[in-house]
Amino acid sequence: MVIFGTALLAACYLAGIWVGEAIAVLIGVKANVGGVGIAMIFLIAAQHFLKKKGLFPAETEKGVTFWAMMYIPVVVAMAATQNVVVAVKGGPIALLSAVGSFVLCFGVVALINRSMQRQAPQDEADADAGLFPAPDALKSR
């Protein structure tokens, strides 16, 4: 059922937050250290384990998929609540890191896009010409 997928996500989130808090105590920081990232690692591991054991049907996966689709809007909303003006007044390093990460991400996306475009025209040309790979059953004849 869908609710089991949501329950799995919640359990992984709580475990990740707990581990993040424990790491923070160990290193003496008064903040959660990577709890959400740890939770995502737990979720990936749990999904892999449950699928391998046959205990993760498609209906259960829908509960996880729903929240996966909600992840980006939630992160954007959380980022919008941060005080950008104070960060910029705190020093130029905040602005430089923001610009640097934007340029780096833009470059990586452009690189991936170019590499995908180099591979795509051959497949599209074959499809336009009506050339499709033969099924395995025909190859053996």
Protein backbone atom coordinates (compact mmCIF):
# COMPACT_ATOMS: atom_id res chain seq x y z
CA MET A 1 0.00 0.00 0.00
CA VAL A 2 1.01 3.61 -0.54
CA ILE A 3 1.00 4.34 3.19
CA PHE A 4 3.76 1.78 3.78
CA GLY A 5 6.03 3.67 1.40
CA THR A 6 5.35 6.88 3.30
CA ALA A 7 5.97 5.07 6.59
CA LEU A 8 9.30 3.76 5.27
CA LEU A 9 10.28 7.27 4.26
CA ALA A 10 9.30 8.63 7.69
CA ALA A 11 11.26 5.91 9.50
CA CYS A 12 14.35 6.59 7.39
CA TYR A 13 13.97 10.33 8.01
CA LEU A 14 13.73 9.90 11.77
CA ALA A 15 16.71 7.53 11.81
CA GLY A 16 18.74 9.94 9.66
CA ILE A 17 17.92 12.91 11.88
CA TRP A 18 18.89 10.89 14.96
CA VAL A 19 22.23 9.86 13.40
CA GLY A 20 22.86 13.48 12.30
CA GLU A 21 22.24 14.70 15.83
CA ALA A 22 24.52 11.98 17.24
CA ILE A 23 27.32 12.99 14.88
CA ALA A 24 26.83 16.62 15.90
CA VAL A 25 27.21 15.70 19.58
CA LEU A 26 30.33 13.65 18.82
CA ILE A 27 32.07 16.50 17.00
CA GLY A 28 30.73 19.24 19.29
CA VAL A 29 28.47 21.08 16.85
CA LYS A 30 25.13 22.55 17.93
CA ALA A 31 23.34 21.59 14.69
CA ASN A 32 22.25 18.48 12.84
CA VAL A 33 25.11 17.21 10.69
CA GLY A 34 23.81 15.73 7.44
CA GLY A 35 20.68 14.15 8.88
CA VAL A 36 18.59 14.51 5.73
CA GLY A 37 21.38 13.16 3.53
CA ILE A 38 21.86 10.21 5.87
CA ALA A 39 18.10 9.63 5.76
CA MET A 40 18.21 9.48 1.96
CA ILE A 41 21.03 6.94 2.13
CA PHE A 42 18.95 4.87 4.56
CA LEU A 43 15.96 5.09 2.20
CA ILE A 44 17.99 3.96 -0.81
CA ALA A 45 19.45 1.08 1.18
CA ALA A 46 16.04 0.09 2.55
CA GLN A 47 14.46 0.16 -0.92
CA HIS A 48 17.26 -1.94 -2.36
CA PHE A 49 17.06 -4.47 0.48
CA LEU A 50 13.25 -4.73 0.36
CA LYS A 51 13.16 -5.05 -3.45
CA LYS A 52 15.81 -7.77 -3.29
CA LYS A 53 13.68 -9.69 -0.76
CA GLY A 54 10.48 -9.11 -2.79
CA LEU A 55 8.88 -7.05 -0.01
CA PHE A 56 8.58 -3.75 -1.87
CA PRO A 57 5.64 -3.92 -4.31
CA ALA A 58 4.81 -1.15 -6.78
CA GLU A 59 1.98 0.16 -4.60
CA THR A 60 4.38 0.71 -1.70
CA GLU A 61 6.86 2.42 -4.01
CA LYS A 62 4.18 5.00 -4.90
CA GLY A 63 4.34 6.35 -1.33
CA VAL A 64 8.06 6.98 -1.68
CA THR A 65 7.71 8.35 -5.22
CA PHE A 66 5.11 10.91 -4.12
CA TRP A 67 7.44 12.39 -1.54
CA ALA A 68 10.38 12.21 -3.95
CA MET A 69 8.41 14.45 -6.31
CA MET A 70 7.64 16.81 -3.42
CA TYR A 71 11.31 17.01 -2.35
CA ILE A 72 12.43 19.77 -4.72
CA PRO A 73 9.53 22.17 -3.98
CA VAL A 74 10.07 21.66 -0.25
CA VAL A 75 13.81 22.37 -0.54
CA VAL A 76 13.11 25.49 -2.62
CA ALA A 77 10.62 26.69 -0.01
CA MET A 78 13.14 26.06 2.77
CA ALA A 79 15.85 27.94 0.86
CA ALA A 80 13.48 30.87 0.29
CA THR A 81 13.15 31.31 4.05
CA GLN A 82 16.86 31.85 4.51
CA ASN A 83 17.95 35.45 4.97
CA VAL A 84 20.02 36.14 1.85
CA VAL A 85 20.61 39.81 2.69
CA VAL A 86 22.31 38.94 5.98
CA ALA A 87 24.43 36.29 4.25
CA VAL A 88 25.66 38.78 1.65
CA LYS A 89 26.37 41.43 4.31
CA GLY A 90 28.37 38.85 6.21
CA GLY A 91 31.07 38.95 3.57
CA PRO A 92 31.78 38.41 -0.11
CA ILE A 93 32.49 34.70 0.38
CA ALA A 94 28.75 33.92 0.42
CA LEU A 95 28.26 35.68 -2.90
CA LEU A 96 31.37 34.10 -4.41
CA SER A 97 30.33 30.61 -3.34
CA ALA A 98 26.82 31.11 -4.74
CA VAL A 99 28.13 32.34 -8.09
CA GLY A 100 30.78 29.61 -8.16
CA SER A 101 28.30 26.82 -7.49
CA PHE A 102 25.93 28.23 -10.13
CA VAL A 103 28.69 28.38 -12.75
CA LEU A 104 29.88 24.87 -11.85
CA CYS A 105 26.36 23.41 -12.07
CA PHE A 106 25.67 25.26 -15.32
CA GLY A 107 28.89 23.90 -16.81
CA VAL A 108 28.19 20.32 -15.73
CA VAL A 109 24.66 20.41 -17.13
CA ALA A 110 25.96 21.84 -20.42
CA LEU A 111 28.64 19.12 -20.57
CA ILE A 112 26.08 16.36 -19.95
CA ASN A 113 23.72 17.88 -22.52
CA ARG A 114 26.44 18.01 -25.17
CA SER A 115 27.50 14.43 -24.55
CA MET A 116 23.88 13.27 -24.84
CA GLN A 117 23.38 15.21 -28.09
CA ARG A 118 26.40 13.53 -29.68
CA GLN A 119 24.87 10.12 -29.07
CA ALA A 120 21.28 11.02 -29.99
CA PRO A 121 21.58 11.99 -33.70
CA GLN A 122 22.72 8.52 -34.76
CA ASP A 123 19.75 6.90 -33.02
CA GLU A 124 17.34 9.49 -34.46
CA ALA A 125 18.79 9.09 -37.96
CA ASP A 126 18.39 5.32 -37.74
CA ALA A 127 14.81 5.72 -36.54
CA ASP A 128 13.99 8.19 -39.33
CA ALA A 129 15.41 5.77 -41.90
CA GLY A 130 13.30 2.95 -40.46
CA LEU A 131 16.32 1.08 -39.12
CA PHE A 132 15.60 -0.58 -35.81
CA PRO A 133 17.61 -3.25 -34.02
CA ALA A 134 16.45 -6.75 -34.81
CA PRO A 135 14.79 -8.68 -32.00
CA ASP A 136 16.91 -11.42 -30.45
CA ALA A 137 14.62 -14.08 -31.93
CA LEU A 138 15.49 -12.98 -35.47
CA LYS A 139 19.24 -12.75 -34.83
CA SER A 140 19.55 -16.47 -34.21
CA ARG A 141 18.14 -17.42 -37.63
